Amino acid sequence: MHHPAEPAGPRDGIATDQGPKSYDEVVADLAAAVDGLLGDDTRANGLLGALVNPDVKARLEAAADLGEVALASREVANAEFPDAVVRTPVIVKLDGSKPEAQDAYFSECFGPVSFAVAVDSTADALELLRRTVREKGAMTVGAYTTSEEVERAVERSAWRRRPSCR
């Protein structure tokens, strides 16, 4: 089962090398970086793959209705494969405290969809990570932090213990 990227951040913001940034500023910066990376169709085609079937395209389009869109998906023309259906990712902002948001980010959403989930604190972000790993599984986990304590907590949260076979 594939689950979308779920960047989670405190709604009050984070400290950065450029000073404090609000959740909205962090998500806007992330959206701008993705847009900059994929703004050129030639480069985007080198990084993205074609959508594998119409269901993926439908999920991508439906994701935009789940919250505030921080980065809209766009069609990418592929000169080498003109019939290929290539889309850039959508980034949707969600409030982690709302049940309807949890329904969105805990459901399978295979495709170029990312949810930027606002939470009340770093502890809440870690709990969201623990729940995601425990309830849905995760192939990879990435975290950006300047705190060694938070780094260790992320490592512990990402570790899913399997029952032993005795």
Protein backbone atom coordinates (compact mmCIF):
# COMPACT_ATOMS: atom_id res chain seq x y z
CA MET A 1 0.00 0.00 0.00
CA HIS A 2 1.32 3.44 -0.90
CA HIS A 3 0.75 6.45 1.28
CA PRO A 4 1.42 10.02 0.28
CA ALA A 5 4.16 12.10 1.69
CA GLU A 6 2.89 13.70 4.85
CA PRO A 7 5.05 16.61 5.83
CA ALA A 8 3.78 17.56 9.27
CA GLY A 9 4.71 20.73 11.01
CA PRO A 10 3.70 22.74 14.02
CA ARG A 11 1.00 25.22 13.11
CA ASP A 12 2.93 27.91 15.04
CA GLY A 13 5.88 27.42 12.71
CA ILE A 14 9.51 26.47 13.00
CA ALA A 15 12.91 28.08 13.48
CA THR A 16 14.98 28.28 10.29
CA ASP A 17 18.34 29.70 9.27
CA GLN A 18 16.32 32.67 7.93
CA GLY A 19 14.47 33.18 11.21
CA PRO A 20 11.09 31.87 12.34
CA LYS A 21 8.67 30.72 9.65
CA SER A 22 4.99 29.98 10.05
CA TYR A 23 3.43 26.73 8.87
CA ASP A 24 1.95 28.65 5.91
CA GLU A 25 5.37 30.09 5.01
CA VAL A 26 7.04 26.67 5.24
CA VAL A 27 4.40 25.10 2.99
CA ALA A 28 4.63 28.02 0.54
CA ASP A 29 8.44 27.61 0.44
CA LEU A 30 8.05 23.86 -0.16
CA ALA A 31 5.54 24.50 -2.95
CA ALA A 32 7.84 27.10 -4.54
CA ALA A 33 10.79 24.68 -4.42
CA VAL A 34 8.78 21.88 -6.06
CA ASP A 35 7.41 24.30 -8.65
CA GLY A 36 10.93 25.57 -9.38
CA LEU A 37 12.26 22.04 -9.76
CA LEU A 38 9.43 20.92 -12.04
CA GLY A 39 8.62 24.21 -13.78
CA ASP A 40 10.44 23.20 -16.96
CA ASP A 41 8.70 20.39 -18.87
CA THR A 42 11.96 18.81 -20.07
CA ARG A 43 13.34 18.58 -16.55
CA ALA A 44 9.94 17.52 -15.15
CA ASN A 45 9.76 14.64 -17.65
CA GLY A 46 13.21 13.50 -16.55
CA LEU A 47 12.08 13.37 -12.91
CA LEU A 48 8.43 12.32 -13.12
CA GLY A 49 6.86 9.23 -14.60
CA ALA A 50 3.63 8.95 -16.49
CA LEU A 51 0.49 8.20 -14.49
CA VAL A 52 -0.08 4.46 -14.72
CA ASN A 53 -3.85 4.51 -15.18
CA PRO A 54 -6.94 6.75 -15.15
CA ASP A 55 -7.60 5.95 -11.46
CA VAL A 56 -4.35 7.68 -10.45
CA LYS A 57 -5.34 10.77 -12.44
CA ALA A 58 -8.78 10.75 -10.78
CA ARG A 59 -7.22 10.54 -7.29
CA LEU A 60 -4.83 13.35 -8.15
CA GLU A 61 -7.68 15.56 -9.31
CA ALA A 62 -9.88 14.65 -6.31
CA ALA A 63 -7.08 15.43 -3.84
CA ALA A 64 -7.39 19.12 -4.66
CA ASP A 65 -10.87 19.09 -3.08
CA LEU A 66 -9.62 17.75 0.28
CA GLY A 67 -8.10 20.98 1.58
CA GLU A 68 -6.39 24.20 0.60
CA VAL A 69 -4.14 23.65 -2.41
CA ALA A 70 -0.65 24.97 -1.78
CA LEU A 71 0.61 23.78 -5.17
CA ALA A 72 -1.71 22.80 -7.98
CA SER A 73 -0.86 19.90 -10.23
CA ARG A 74 -0.28 20.73 -13.85
CA GLU A 75 -0.05 18.80 -17.09
CA VAL A 76 3.47 18.18 -18.38
CA ALA A 77 3.87 17.82 -22.15
CA ASN A 78 6.19 15.03 -23.24
CA ALA A 79 7.51 15.52 -26.77
CA GLU A 80 9.00 12.00 -26.93
CA PHE A 81 5.76 10.34 -25.76
CA PRO A 82 2.93 12.73 -26.69
CA ASP A 83 0.20 10.39 -25.41
CA ALA A 84 1.81 10.03 -21.96
CA VAL A 85 -0.22 11.46 -19.10
CA VAL A 86 2.33 13.26 -16.93
CA ARG A 87 1.33 15.51 -14.03
CA THR A 88 3.27 17.40 -11.40
CA PRO A 89 2.38 16.72 -7.76
CA VAL A 90 -0.34 18.53 -5.89
CA ILE A 91 0.39 19.72 -2.34
CA VAL A 92 -2.72 20.02 -0.18
CA LYS A 93 -2.75 21.68 3.24
CA LEU A 94 -4.66 19.78 5.93
CA ASP A 95 -5.42 20.44 9.59
CA GLY A 96 -4.28 17.36 11.52
CA SER A 97 -6.82 17.97 14.30
CA LYS A 98 -9.85 17.58 12.01
CA PRO A 99 -11.31 14.09 11.50
CA GLU A 100 -11.97 14.68 7.79
CA ALA A 101 -8.29 15.55 7.34
CA GLN A 102 -7.29 12.31 9.07
CA ASP A 103 -9.55 10.42 6.69
CA ALA A 104 -7.62 11.99 3.80
CA TYR A 105 -4.04 11.46 4.95
CA PHE A 106 -4.65 7.98 6.35
CA SER A 107 -6.26 6.69 3.15
CA GLU A 108 -4.35 5.19 0.26
CA CYS A 109 -3.73 7.88 -2.33
CA PHE A 110 -1.31 6.38 -4.84
CA GLY A 111 -0.05 9.09 -7.14
CA PRO A 112 1.67 12.46 -7.08
CA VAL A 113 -0.17 13.74 -4.00
CA SER A 114 1.34 15.23 -0.85
CA PHE A 115 -0.50 16.45 2.22
CA ALA A 116 1.13 19.15 4.36
CA VAL A 117 -0.44 18.46 7.74
CA ALA A 118 -0.61 21.21 10.35
CA VAL A 119 -0.27 19.94 13.91
CA ASP A 120 -0.12 21.71 17.26
CA SER A 121 3.43 20.72 18.21
CA THR A 122 6.48 18.65 17.39
CA ALA A 123 5.13 16.04 19.81
CA ASP A 124 1.93 15.88 17.76
CA ALA A 125 3.96 15.50 14.55
CA LEU A 126 5.85 12.60 16.14
CA GLU A 127 2.59 10.99 17.27
CA LEU A 128 1.23 11.33 13.73
CA LEU A 129 4.37 9.62 12.44
CA ARG A 130 4.01 6.81 15.02
CA ARG A 131 0.35 6.29 14.09
CA THR A 132 1.11 6.28 10.38
CA VAL A 133 3.88 3.70 10.74
CA ARG A 134 1.88 1.54 13.16
CA GLU A 135 -1.48 1.67 11.37
CA LYS A 136 -0.50 2.05 7.71
CA GLY A 137 3.18 1.19 7.42
CA ALA A 138 5.91 3.24 5.81
CA MET A 139 8.69 2.30 3.41
CA THR A 140 10.70 5.43 4.16
CA VAL A 141 10.65 8.31 6.60
CA GLY A 142 12.41 11.62 6.19
CA ALA A 143 12.64 14.41 8.74
CA TYR A 144 14.30 17.79 8.80
CA THR A 145 15.30 19.06 12.21
CA THR A 146 18.10 20.92 13.92
CA SER A 147 17.41 19.16 17.21
CA GLU A 148 19.28 15.96 18.08
CA GLU A 149 16.51 15.13 20.55
CA VAL A 150 13.85 15.38 17.84
CA GLU A 151 16.09 13.39 15.46
CA ARG A 152 16.26 10.52 17.98
CA ALA A 153 12.51 10.74 18.58
CA VAL A 154 11.88 10.48 14.82
CA GLU A 155 14.08 7.39 14.65
CA ARG A 156 12.17 5.79 17.54
CA SER A 157 8.82 6.78 16.03
CA ALA A 158 9.69 5.32 12.64
CA TRP A 159 10.74 1.97 14.05
CA ARG A 160 7.92 -0.54 13.74
CA ARG A 161 8.42 -3.60 15.88
CA ARG A 162 7.24 -6.82 14.38
CA PRO A 163 5.91 -9.66 16.48
CA SER A 164 8.54 -12.30 17.07
CA CYS A 165 8.05 -15.80 15.69
CA ARG A 166 8.56 -18.02 18.72
